[in-house]
Protein backbone atom coordinates (compact mmCIF):
# COMPACT_ATOMS: atom_id res chain seq x y z
CA MET A 1 2.21 24.82 -37.12
CA LYS A 2 1.08 27.20 -40.23
CA GLN A 3 -1.37 25.47 -42.83
CA TYR A 4 -0.09 26.30 -46.10
CA THR A 5 -2.19 26.46 -49.28
CA VAL A 6 -0.85 24.82 -52.67
CA GLU A 7 -0.08 28.25 -54.16
CA GLU A 8 2.06 29.22 -51.12
CA LEU A 9 3.90 25.74 -51.11
CA ASN A 10 4.82 26.38 -54.65
CA LYS A 11 6.54 29.49 -53.78
CA LEU A 12 8.76 28.08 -51.18
CA SER A 13 12.29 27.15 -52.15
CA LYS A 14 13.88 23.71 -51.77
CA GLU A 15 15.46 24.68 -48.31
CA GLN A 16 12.17 25.89 -46.85
CA ILE A 17 10.22 22.72 -48.03
CA VAL A 18 12.89 20.51 -46.44
CA ALA A 19 12.81 22.38 -43.45
CA LEU A 20 8.94 22.32 -43.23
CA LEU A 21 9.16 18.75 -43.80
CA MET A 22 11.52 17.99 -41.10
CA GLN A 23 9.49 20.21 -38.81
CA SER A 24 6.36 18.18 -39.68
CA GLN A 25 8.06 14.77 -38.86
CA LYS A 26 9.22 16.04 -35.77
CA GLN A 27 5.54 17.20 -34.70
CA ASN A 28 4.15 14.02 -36.15
CA ALA A 29 6.48 11.69 -34.17
CA LEU A 30 5.70 13.91 -30.93
CA PHE A 31 1.91 13.37 -31.44
CA MET A 32 2.43 9.70 -32.23
CA GLU A 33 4.37 9.25 -28.88
CA GLN A 34 1.76 11.05 -26.91
CA ILE A 35 -0.97 8.98 -28.00
CA ALA A 36 1.26 5.70 -27.65
CA THR A 37 2.07 7.00 -24.11
CA MET A 38 -1.61 7.72 -23.13
CA GLN A 39 -2.57 4.08 -24.56
CA SER A 40 -0.10 2.62 -22.43
CA GLN A 41 -0.90 4.36 -19.30
CA ARG A 42 -4.55 3.55 -19.79
CA PHE A 43 -4.29 -0.13 -21.22
CA GLY A 44 -0.62 -1.12 -21.01
CA ARG A 45 1.60 -2.70 -18.44
CA LYS A 46 2.84 -0.71 -15.67
CA THR A 47 6.32 -2.28 -14.94
CA GLU A 48 9.33 -0.50 -15.59
CA ARG A 49 11.64 -3.38 -15.70
CA LEU A 50 14.10 -3.19 -18.66
CA GLU A 51 14.02 -7.05 -19.44
CA CYS A 52 10.42 -7.18 -20.29
CA LEU A 53 8.57 -3.82 -19.30
CA GLY A 54 5.51 -5.98 -18.70
CA GLN A 55 3.73 -7.81 -16.15
CA MET A 56 1.39 -10.89 -16.66
CA SER A 57 -2.43 -10.00 -17.23
CA ILE A 58 -4.87 -10.27 -14.36
CA PHE A 59 -7.17 -11.98 -16.90
CA ASN A 60 -4.85 -15.52 -16.98
CA GLU A 61 -3.31 -14.70 -13.84
CA ALA A 62 -5.01 -18.14 -12.26
CA GLU A 63 -3.69 -20.00 -15.19
CA VAL A 64 -0.17 -18.56 -15.25
CA GLU A 65 0.38 -19.01 -11.23
CA ALA A 66 -1.23 -22.73 -11.42
CA GLU A 67 1.36 -23.71 -13.94
CA LYS A 68 4.08 -22.75 -11.62
CA ASP A 69 5.74 -25.39 -9.47
CA THR A 70 4.31 -24.23 -6.17
CA ASP A 71 4.64 -25.85 -2.94
CA GLU A 72 1.11 -26.29 -1.94
CA PRO A 73 0.55 -27.59 1.89
CA GLU A 74 -0.55 -31.33 1.73
CA THR A 75 -3.01 -33.32 3.82
CA GLU A 76 -1.78 -36.52 5.63
CA GLU A 77 -2.30 -39.22 3.31
CA ILE A 78 -2.35 -42.80 4.52
CA THR A 79 -3.87 -44.73 1.26
CA ARG A 80 -1.05 -45.63 -1.22
CA THR A 81 -1.19 -43.81 -4.77
CA THR A 82 0.52 -44.64 -8.00
CA ARG A 83 1.07 -41.21 -9.02
CA THR A 84 4.42 -39.66 -8.32
CA ARG A 85 4.64 -36.34 -6.72
CA LYS A 86 7.20 -33.96 -5.73
CA LYS A 87 8.08 -34.12 -2.04
CA ARG A 88 6.56 -31.44 -0.18
CA LYS A 89 8.03 -29.62 2.67
CA PRO A 90 6.66 -31.14 5.91
CA GLY A 91 4.76 -29.30 8.40
CA LYS A 92 3.72 -26.43 6.23
CA LEU A 93 -0.08 -27.14 6.65
CA ASP A 94 0.44 -27.22 10.27
CA GLU A 95 2.10 -23.78 10.27
CA MET A 96 -0.81 -22.38 8.20
CA LEU A 97 -3.65 -23.77 10.32
CA LYS A 98 -1.56 -23.20 13.74
CA GLY A 99 -3.71 -21.41 16.30
CA LEU A 100 -7.12 -21.91 14.52
CA PRO A 101 -9.98 -23.87 16.39
CA LEU A 102 -10.04 -27.45 15.71
CA ARG A 103 -13.21 -29.72 15.52
CA THR A 104 -12.93 -33.41 14.70
CA GLN A 105 -15.45 -34.93 12.58
CA THR A 106 -15.46 -38.93 12.60
CA HIS A 107 -16.74 -40.78 9.64
CA GLU A 108 -17.35 -44.48 10.87
CA LEU A 109 -19.51 -47.46 9.56
CA SER A 110 -21.87 -49.01 11.68
CA GLU A 111 -21.48 -52.45 12.82
CA GLU A 112 -24.10 -53.79 10.82
CA GLU A 113 -22.55 -52.25 7.74
CA LEU A 114 -19.16 -53.83 8.50
CA THR A 115 -20.75 -57.35 8.90
CA LYS A 116 -22.24 -57.17 5.41
CA ILE A 117 -18.93 -56.30 4.12
CA PHE A 118 -16.31 -58.55 5.93
CA GLY A 119 -18.76 -60.96 7.74
CA ASP A 120 -19.22 -61.91 11.46
CA LYS A 121 -16.33 -60.29 13.21
CA GLY A 122 -14.22 -60.43 10.14
CA TRP A 123 -12.53 -57.12 10.20
CA LYS A 124 -10.12 -55.11 12.53
CA ARG A 125 -9.68 -51.17 12.54
CA LEU A 126 -6.46 -49.88 11.14
CA PRO A 127 -5.40 -46.32 12.03
CA ASP A 128 -7.77 -43.49 10.61
CA GLU A 129 -7.05 -41.49 7.37
CA ILE A 130 -6.76 -38.15 8.62
CA TYR A 131 -7.21 -35.17 6.21
CA ARG A 132 -8.08 -31.41 7.14
CA LYS A 133 -10.34 -28.55 5.54
CA LEU A 134 -10.72 -25.25 6.54
CA GLU A 135 -14.22 -23.79 6.85
CA TYR A 136 -15.13 -20.20 6.65
CA HIS A 137 -18.17 -18.72 8.67
CA PRO A 138 -19.30 -15.17 8.15
CA ALA A 139 -19.08 -12.94 11.04
CA THR A 140 -21.73 -13.14 13.85
CA LYS A 141 -23.57 -10.49 15.54
CA GLU A 142 -25.41 -10.25 18.48
CA VAL A 143 -27.33 -7.26 20.74
CA VAL A 144 -25.85 -7.20 24.32
CA GLU A 145 -28.14 -5.80 26.92
CA HIS A 146 -26.12 -4.57 29.89
CA HIS A 147 -27.90 -4.68 33.27
CA VAL A 148 -26.07 -2.36 35.58
CA ALA A 149 -26.76 -3.02 39.48
CA VAL A 150 -27.74 -0.04 41.50
CA TYR A 151 -27.72 0.01 45.04
CA ALA A 152 -28.90 2.60 47.65
CA ALA A 153 -28.18 2.91 51.33
CA LYS A 154 -31.25 2.28 53.54
CA LYS A 155 -30.45 4.80 56.04
CA GLU A 156 -28.84 7.61 54.05
CA ASP A 157 -28.78 9.56 50.69
CA LYS A 158 -26.20 7.34 48.84
CA ILE A 159 -26.42 5.46 45.52
CA VAL A 160 -23.86 3.40 44.02
CA ARG A 161 -23.86 1.89 40.60
CA THR A 162 -21.81 -1.43 39.39
CA PRO A 163 -18.65 -0.38 37.29
CA HIS A 164 -18.86 -1.25 33.48
CA PRO A 165 -17.28 -0.76 30.49
CA ALA A 166 -16.91 3.01 29.18
CA GLU A 167 -19.12 3.85 26.39
CA LEU A 168 -17.74 4.38 23.19
CA LEU A 169 -20.55 6.86 22.03
CA VAL A 170 -23.02 7.97 24.66
CA HIS A 171 -26.59 6.88 23.89
CA SER A 172 -25.45 4.83 20.85
CA VAL A 173 -25.46 1.25 20.24
CA ALA A 174 -22.07 1.39 18.55
CA THR A 175 -19.31 -0.98 20.32
CA PRO A 176 -15.63 -1.19 19.94
CA SER A 177 -16.18 -4.41 17.73
CA LEU A 178 -18.95 -2.71 15.49
CA VAL A 179 -16.76 0.52 14.89
CA ALA A 180 -13.73 -1.26 14.17
CA ALA A 181 -15.70 -3.74 11.62
CA ILE A 182 -16.88 -0.68 9.70
CA MET A 183 -13.49 1.10 9.64
CA ASN A 184 -11.79 -2.20 8.79
CA ALA A 185 -14.11 -2.69 5.91
CA LYS A 186 -13.95 0.95 4.80
CA TYR A 187 -10.27 1.68 5.12
CA THR A 188 -8.72 -1.74 4.86
CA ASN A 189 -10.79 -3.54 2.35
CA ALA A 190 -11.80 -0.13 0.58
CA LEU A 191 -15.79 -0.52 0.57
CA PRO A 192 -17.95 2.46 0.63
CA LEU A 193 -20.15 2.86 3.57
CA ASN A 194 -23.37 2.49 1.41
CA ARG A 195 -21.96 -1.22 0.29
CA ILE A 196 -21.06 -1.73 4.15
CA ALA A 197 -24.57 -0.68 5.20
CA GLN A 198 -26.25 -3.12 2.50
CA GLU A 199 -24.10 -5.89 3.34
CA MET A 200 -24.87 -5.53 7.10
CA ALA A 201 -28.82 -5.39 6.21
CA ARG A 202 -28.18 -8.62 4.61
CA TYR A 203 -27.49 -10.04 8.02
CA ASP A 204 -30.50 -8.15 9.72
CA VAL A 205 -28.28 -5.28 10.90
CA LYS A 206 -30.05 -2.20 9.45
CA LEU A 207 -27.81 0.75 10.12
CA PRO A 208 -28.41 3.96 8.01
CA VAL A 209 -25.16 5.27 6.07
CA PRO A 210 -25.19 8.69 7.90
CA THR A 211 -25.05 6.83 11.26
CA LEU A 212 -22.10 4.90 10.08
CA ALA A 213 -20.60 7.86 8.95
CA ASN A 214 -21.42 9.71 12.25
CA TRP A 215 -19.56 6.85 14.16
CA THR A 216 -16.58 6.60 12.10
CA ILE A 217 -15.83 10.46 12.30
CA ARG A 218 -16.39 10.73 15.79
CA CYS A 219 -14.35 7.75 17.01
CA ALA A 220 -11.63 8.66 14.71
CA GLU A 221 -11.31 12.16 16.12
CA ARG A 222 -12.04 11.24 19.64
CA TYR A 223 -10.02 7.99 20.29
CA LEU A 224 -7.60 7.71 17.32
CA TYR A 225 -6.41 11.06 16.86
CA PRO A 226 -4.32 10.95 19.78
CA VAL A 227 -2.50 7.77 18.98
CA SER A 228 -1.77 9.42 15.38
CA GLU A 229 -0.49 12.30 16.88
CA ARG A 230 1.82 10.25 18.96
CA MET A 231 2.76 8.36 15.86
CA LYS A 232 3.63 11.84 14.25
CA ASP A 233 6.00 12.82 17.32
CA GLU A 234 7.75 9.47 16.89
CA LEU A 235 8.02 10.06 13.17
CA ARG A 236 9.71 13.64 13.58
CA THR A 237 12.42 11.83 15.71
CA LEU A 238 13.63 9.33 12.81
CA PRO A 239 16.53 10.47 10.59
CA VAL A 240 14.93 9.62 7.26
CA MET A 241 11.31 10.51 6.27
CA GLN A 242 9.34 9.83 2.89
CA ALA A 243 6.55 11.95 1.61
CA ASP A 244 4.08 11.94 -1.49
CA GLU A 245 0.89 13.23 -2.24
CA THR A 246 -2.14 12.44 -4.33
CA VAL A 247 -5.63 14.34 -5.39
CA CYS A 248 -8.71 14.04 -3.57
CA LYS A 249 -11.89 15.72 -3.80
CA VAL A 250 -14.07 17.14 -0.86
CA SER A 251 -17.63 18.37 -1.83
CA LYS A 252 -18.21 20.48 1.09
CA ASP A 253 -15.09 22.48 1.61
CA GLY A 254 -16.34 25.87 1.01
CA ARG A 255 -14.61 26.18 -2.67
CA PRO A 256 -16.26 25.80 -6.00
CA ALA A 257 -17.08 22.59 -7.24
CA ASN A 258 -14.45 20.18 -8.60
CA ALA A 259 -11.71 22.21 -6.73
CA GLU A 260 -8.87 19.75 -5.91
CA SER A 261 -7.48 18.94 -2.32
CA ARG A 262 -4.55 16.87 -1.36
CA MET A 263 -3.97 13.80 0.59
CA PHE A 264 -0.43 13.77 1.62
CA VAL A 265 1.18 10.72 3.24
CA TYR A 266 4.27 10.47 5.10
CA ARG A 267 6.44 7.47 6.26
CA SER A 268 9.40 6.32 8.11
CA GLY A 269 12.50 5.44 5.66
CA GLU A 270 12.20 2.09 3.71
CA PHE A 271 15.08 0.62 5.85
CA GLU A 272 13.63 1.53 9.20
CA GLN A 273 12.86 -1.46 10.96
CA GLU A 274 11.67 -1.12 14.30
CA ARG A 275 9.15 1.58 14.16
CA ILE A 276 7.45 1.50 10.71
CA ILE A 277 5.28 4.81 10.66
CA ILE A 278 2.67 5.56 7.86
CA LEU A 279 0.80 8.79 8.26
CA TYR A 280 -1.86 10.53 6.18
CA ASP A 281 -2.53 14.07 6.21
CA TYR A 282 -5.40 15.74 4.33
CA GLN A 283 -4.81 19.33 3.02
CA LYS A 284 -6.92 21.75 0.96
CA THR A 285 -3.80 22.86 -1.09
CA ARG A 286 -0.42 21.70 -2.03
CA LYS A 287 1.33 24.63 -0.16
CA THR A 288 4.82 24.17 1.35
CA ALA A 289 3.38 25.30 4.56
CA HIS A 290 1.40 22.48 5.07
CA ILE A 291 4.42 20.29 4.58
CA ALA A 292 6.66 22.51 6.92
CA SER A 293 3.95 22.27 9.33
CA PHE A 294 3.69 18.36 9.54
CA LEU A 295 7.25 18.18 9.47
CA GLY A 296 7.68 20.41 12.60
CA SER A 297 10.85 19.33 14.49
CA PHE A 298 11.96 16.76 11.87
CA SER A 299 15.74 16.87 11.20
CA GLY A 300 17.01 14.71 8.50
CA VAL A 301 16.65 13.46 4.82
CA LEU A 302 13.23 13.83 3.35
CA VAL A 303 12.79 11.62 0.20
CA SER A 304 10.43 12.69 -2.24
CA ASP A 305 9.58 13.72 -6.01
CA ALA A 306 10.83 16.64 -7.55
CA TYR A 307 7.87 18.95 -6.52
CA SER A 308 9.35 22.37 -5.43
CA GLY A 309 7.39 22.24 -2.35
CA TYR A 310 9.48 19.64 -0.86
CA HIS A 311 12.75 21.31 -2.36
CA SER A 312 12.23 24.70 -0.94
CA LEU A 313 12.28 23.35 2.26
CA ASP A 314 15.86 21.94 1.67
CA ARG A 315 16.83 25.50 0.35
CA THR A 316 15.46 27.22 3.41
CA SER A 317 15.90 24.98 6.45
CA GLU A 318 19.33 23.81 7.61
CA LYS A 319 18.18 20.84 9.57
CA ILE A 320 16.28 19.22 6.28
CA GLN A 321 18.19 17.87 3.19
CA GLY A 322 16.02 16.60 0.09
CA ALA A 323 16.73 13.58 -1.83
CA ASN A 324 14.95 12.58 -4.67
CA CYS A 325 13.41 9.29 -6.38
CA TRP A 326 15.40 7.28 -9.06
CA ALA A 327 12.22 5.58 -9.84
CA HIS A 328 10.94 9.14 -11.42
CA ALA A 329 14.20 9.37 -13.34
CA ARG A 330 13.76 6.30 -14.98
CA ARG A 331 10.00 6.41 -15.78
CA SER A 332 10.11 8.87 -18.66
CA PHE A 333 12.77 6.43 -20.32
CA ALA A 334 10.77 3.42 -19.42
CA ASP A 335 7.58 5.07 -21.20
CA ALA A 336 9.90 6.16 -24.18
CA LEU A 337 10.71 2.48 -24.47
CA LYS A 338 7.29 1.09 -24.45
CA VAL A 339 6.70 3.47 -27.31
CA LEU A 340 9.49 1.91 -29.33
CA LYS A 341 8.29 -1.71 -28.76
CA LYS A 342 4.79 -0.95 -29.86
CA GLY A 343 6.24 0.90 -32.82
CA GLY A 344 7.84 -2.21 -34.26
CA TYR A 345 11.22 -1.16 -34.25
CA SER A 346 14.09 -3.70 -34.45
CA LYS A 347 15.94 -4.90 -31.54
CA LYS A 348 19.02 -3.33 -32.75
CA THR A 349 17.17 0.30 -32.88
CA ILE A 350 15.92 -0.10 -29.35
CA ARG A 351 19.19 -0.90 -27.68
CA ASN A 352 20.71 1.93 -29.50
CA SER A 353 18.05 4.38 -28.30
CA VAL A 354 19.03 7.03 -25.69
CA ALA A 355 16.07 5.57 -23.52
CA TYR A 356 17.44 2.14 -23.51
CA GLN A 357 21.04 3.23 -22.63
CA ALA A 358 19.58 5.41 -19.67
CA LEU A 359 17.22 2.71 -18.43
CA GLU A 360 19.98 -0.01 -18.57
CA ARG A 361 22.54 2.32 -16.41
CA ILE A 362 19.91 3.06 -14.12
CA SER A 363 18.76 -0.64 -13.89
CA SER A 364 22.38 -1.57 -12.88
CA LEU A 365 22.07 0.63 -10.00
CA TYR A 366 18.85 -1.23 -8.83
CA ALA A 367 20.53 -4.48 -9.39
CA LEU A 368 22.84 -3.65 -6.75
CA GLU A 369 20.53 -2.25 -4.45
CA ASP A 370 18.43 -5.51 -4.63
CA GLN A 371 21.47 -7.24 -3.35
CA TRP A 372 22.04 -4.98 -0.44
CA LYS A 373 18.44 -4.82 1.31
CA GLU A 374 19.28 -6.65 4.20
CA LEU A 375 22.58 -4.87 5.02
CA SER A 376 22.78 -2.30 7.68
CA PRO A 377 22.94 1.41 6.91
CA GLU A 378 26.72 1.58 7.18
CA GLU A 379 27.40 -1.75 5.09
CA ARG A 380 25.07 -0.44 2.56
CA TYR A 381 26.89 3.18 2.52
CA SER A 382 30.17 1.58 2.11
CA ARG A 383 29.04 -0.70 -0.93
CA ARG A 384 27.39 2.33 -2.47
CA GLN A 385 30.55 4.34 -2.25
CA GLU A 386 32.70 1.54 -3.69
CA HIS A 387 30.31 0.36 -6.54
CA SER A 388 27.43 2.64 -6.87
CA LYS A 389 29.01 5.92 -6.84
CA PRO A 390 31.25 5.25 -10.19
CA LEU A 391 27.90 4.33 -11.89
CA VAL A 392 26.12 7.43 -10.74
CA GLU A 393 29.04 9.57 -11.83
CA ALA A 394 29.43 7.90 -15.12
CA TYR A 395 25.49 8.15 -15.72
CA PHE A 396 25.33 11.86 -15.10
CA ALA A 397 28.70 12.44 -17.43
CA TRP A 398 26.91 10.39 -20.24
CA VAL A 399 23.57 12.05 -19.81
CA LYS A 400 25.44 15.77 -20.21
CA THR A 401 26.76 14.44 -23.54
CA VAL A 402 23.13 13.90 -25.14
CA ASP A 403 21.98 16.77 -27.12
CA PRO A 404 18.27 16.93 -26.39
CA SER A 405 17.76 18.59 -29.67
CA SER A 406 18.79 15.53 -31.54
CA VAL A 407 16.42 13.33 -29.73
CA ILE A 408 12.83 12.91 -31.09
CA SER A 409 11.23 11.37 -28.44
CA GLU A 410 9.65 14.00 -25.79
CA ASN A 411 9.49 11.16 -22.98
CA THR A 412 13.43 10.75 -23.57
CA ARG A 413 14.09 14.41 -23.39
CA LYS A 414 12.03 14.72 -20.09
CA GLY A 415 13.89 12.14 -18.61
CA LEU A 416 17.40 13.75 -19.59
CA GLN A 417 15.83 16.96 -18.26
CA TYR A 418 14.63 15.50 -15.16
CA SER A 419 18.30 13.86 -14.36
CA ILE A 420 20.07 16.94 -15.25
CA ASN A 421 18.03 19.31 -12.97
CA GLN A 422 17.82 16.94 -10.27
CA GLU A 423 21.54 15.77 -10.14
CA LYS A 424 22.06 17.18 -6.84
CA TYR A 425 19.26 15.48 -5.03
CA LEU A 426 19.46 12.03 -6.96
CA LYS A 427 23.05 11.78 -5.61
CA VAL A 428 21.91 12.06 -1.91
CA PHE A 429 21.52 8.36 -1.40
CA LEU A 430 25.29 7.82 -2.14
CA ASP A 431 26.07 9.42 1.06
CA ASN A 432 23.70 7.97 3.57
CA GLY A 433 23.03 4.18 3.79
CA ALA A 434 19.68 4.96 5.53
CA VAL A 435 18.43 6.62 2.50
CA PRO A 436 16.49 4.51 -0.03
CA ILE A 437 17.27 5.02 -3.81
CA ASP A 438 13.61 5.86 -4.70
CA ASN A 439 10.41 6.81 -2.97
CA SER A 440 8.57 3.63 -4.19
CA ALA A 441 7.80 2.66 -0.54
CA CYS A 442 5.85 5.88 0.03
CA GLU A 443 4.02 5.32 -3.05
CA ARG A 444 2.99 2.05 -2.26
CA ALA A 445 1.86 3.60 1.07
CA ILE A 446 -0.65 5.88 -0.52
CA ARG A 447 -1.85 3.28 -2.78
CA PRO A 448 -4.68 1.89 -0.40
CA PHE A 449 -6.18 5.37 -0.41
CA CYS A 450 -6.33 5.55 -4.48
CA VAL A 451 -7.85 2.21 -4.38
CA GLY A 452 -10.61 3.47 -2.00
CA ARG A 453 -10.97 6.63 -3.93
CA ALA A 454 -11.93 4.89 -7.20
CA ASN A 455 -14.86 3.23 -5.09
CA TRP A 456 -16.26 6.37 -3.44
CA HIS A 457 -14.60 9.11 -5.78
CA ILE A 458 -15.39 12.12 -3.50
CA ILE A 459 -15.32 12.70 0.45
CA ASP A 460 -18.32 14.45 1.49
CA THR A 461 -16.89 16.82 4.29
CA VAL A 462 -13.34 18.17 5.37
CA HIS A 463 -14.23 16.32 8.79
CA GLY A 464 -14.56 13.13 6.62
CA ALA A 465 -11.49 13.98 5.09
CA GLN A 466 -9.57 14.53 8.15
CA ALA A 467 -11.12 11.45 9.81
CA SER A 468 -10.16 9.36 6.66
CA ALA A 469 -6.56 10.57 7.14
CA ILE A 470 -6.64 9.49 10.96
CA VAL A 471 -8.14 6.23 10.30
CA TYR A 472 -5.93 5.21 7.20
CA SER A 473 -2.72 6.28 9.39
CA ILE A 474 -3.81 3.81 12.20
CA VAL A 475 -4.74 0.97 9.51
CA GLU A 476 -1.45 1.20 7.07
CA THR A 477 0.99 1.64 10.37
CA ALA A 478 -0.69 -1.50 11.71
CA LYS A 479 -0.46 -3.61 8.35
CA ALA A 480 3.38 -2.45 8.10
CA ASN A 481 4.05 -3.68 11.68
CA HIS A 482 2.31 -6.88 10.82
CA LEU A 483 -0.87 -6.19 13.10
CA LYS A 484 -4.30 -7.33 12.04
CA PRO A 485 -6.04 -4.00 11.36
CA TYR A 486 -9.43 -4.99 12.78
CA GLU A 487 -8.08 -6.41 15.88
CA TYR A 488 -5.94 -3.26 16.31
CA LEU A 489 -8.66 -0.90 15.65
CA LYS A 490 -10.95 -2.79 18.32
CA PHE A 491 -8.02 -2.76 20.76
CA LEU A 492 -7.66 1.13 20.61
CA LEU A 493 -11.35 1.70 20.52
CA THR A 494 -11.38 -0.26 23.69
CA GLU A 495 -8.42 1.07 25.49
CA VAL A 496 -8.32 4.73 24.71
CA PRO A 497 -11.79 5.68 26.08
CA LYS A 498 -10.37 4.31 29.42
CA HIS A 499 -8.12 7.13 29.73
CA MET A 500 -10.36 10.10 28.54
CA ASP A 501 -9.95 11.78 31.84
CA ASP A 502 -6.15 11.27 32.34
CA THR A 503 -4.07 14.21 32.32
CA ASP A 504 -0.68 12.43 31.38
CA ASP A 505 -1.13 10.94 27.94
CA SER A 506 2.03 8.43 28.49
CA PHE A 507 -0.36 5.67 28.06
CA LEU A 508 -0.35 6.12 24.48
CA ASP A 509 3.23 4.68 24.34
CA ASP A 510 1.68 1.27 25.23
CA LEU A 511 -0.99 1.36 22.44
CA LEU A 512 1.62 2.22 19.50
CA PRO A 513 1.88 -0.86 16.84
CA TRP A 514 5.56 -1.73 17.74
CA ALA A 515 4.78 -1.58 21.54
CA VAL A 516 5.63 -5.01 23.35
CA THR A 517 2.31 -4.52 25.35
CA ILE A 518 -0.03 -5.27 22.06
CA PRO A 519 -2.18 -8.23 22.72
CA ASP A 520 -1.12 -11.37 20.66
CA ILE A 521 -4.71 -11.50 19.17
CA CYS A 522 -3.53 -8.13 17.21
CA ARG A 523 -0.38 -9.40 15.89
CA ILE A 524 0.07 -11.95 12.58
CA ALA A 525 2.54 -14.61 13.79
CA PRO A 526 5.88 -14.22 11.58
CA TYR A 527 5.53 -17.61 9.78
CA LEU A 528 1.89 -17.06 8.94
CA HIS A 529 3.03 -13.70 7.63
CA SER A 530 5.46 -15.01 5.48
CA VAL A 531 3.44 -18.14 4.03
CA ALA A 532 0.55 -15.49 3.06
CA VAL A 533 3.13 -13.22 1.27
CA ASN A 534 4.52 -16.24 -0.80
CA LEU A 535 1.08 -17.65 -1.49
CA PRO A 536 0.36 -17.36 -5.52
CA ARG A 537 -1.04 -14.10 -6.06
CA PHE A 538 -4.44 -15.48 -7.41
CA VAL A 539 -4.95 -17.18 -3.94
CA ARG A 540 -4.30 -14.09 -2.04
CA LYS A 541 -7.02 -12.14 -4.04
CA ILE A 542 -9.45 -15.34 -3.45
CA LEU A 543 -8.59 -15.12 0.42
CA TYR A 544 -8.82 -11.04 0.23
CA ILE A 545 -12.43 -11.07 -1.36
CA ALA A 546 -13.49 -13.99 1.18
CA VAL A 547 -12.50 -11.30 4.03
CA LEU A 548 -14.77 -8.57 2.78
CA SER A 549 -17.55 -9.93 4.21
CA THR A 550 -16.11 -10.15 7.76
CA PHE A 551 -17.46 -7.16 9.60
């Protein structure tokens, strides 16, 4: 905008001054909104829910959660108490501790102490008062020295060695349990290798960081890669796939410093229950060719954001249909509404805003989807046609009646433009009950990488980035299928080396996370999983921190 002097302003007509003032007000509103949006993204709440557009602060989480009437497992009490308490659901503690080793510790008074209290033979023993406590012991380490018996014939040139487990890495002390622990710490618990090395050194295991990195890369490429490739083959056979990507930096990739690479994530559709697959794929660029190469023979619906690289496949391939994310459609409106709330506008003004009306219409779709989560694709399709389709058609008809030039909020204009441009892709979910309304499941799947990236910032080499993609694929798919990542990694690193000389790779089918042949030790019991999910969030965080020291 031109900067005017006092003399120039004095020469302007009344109409020119009014137009100049209106333009200045619009630009000022735009700048204020941009500042408020950046502050909200940096410091504000992240939820897009219409009713509050907020979530509790992590700083008072324990206090808020503790005030809730949460059923906590009770120990068995025999002594009477005058305090009244809510009746607890029986057996919950037994389920939580099921499968853990039990050690009985008895607390008794000596005969001398009893005689002093009750007199000679003046007592009788009642049933014991029983309570249970859960002890935590850090992981233990031990050196196993293998002695392989070697036999030689006395009368001929023949030597026989006793069969022994295949070495994970020749001339290395690495074992499946040790490498699995390192991978679990780095890729499940987001610890950088230097912190892992420091923690292990505190327990007298002194391993250099380069050694840990070398083990991780070599074992990922040699033993985990075949499993991830078989998962990719399975993913390509499913009718719905979701995709997303995030930025990562690799310092030694042959390009100038600070060049951005991409970590793609692909997963099975949110409603897929039998084979939940989450795969990472590192690429130097965001080119469509990388996406097409990964999808390969896939034929079905690809749910993604509005990136043209995904849409180009919809236009050029008859076997791929693109579907867009309604969470992206509502995000700009939610940002606009947050700015209005921070600006101190009245509730009436906020409710009359275009952003509020758009968010209200979109929220009605999500309310219906929440009710239909457990339905079959056929039932969900029928409900969507009956209830959601009229709401979607009404939404787009309304969007087209709004004049963007009359809207001051840039975020609101972005939301309107996004809806108009992506109408075709936003309607796809209506005609397929297996297609989710948004891509949130895929965004959640890539979040563990983003958490880890905040800790280590830069990946050193391309080999390291590719190995990370492989291990993240194994870990996240294991978690999605209710497996313990450490136990599953240990299982794979134990079993795959046995088949390195096989010409038939059909053995991989028995190693996939959903295979019935997976050992029970790798599985999270269904009830225990549901209990863990329903624990207060601050308790889950405490348990998570405790797990960080288990290598």
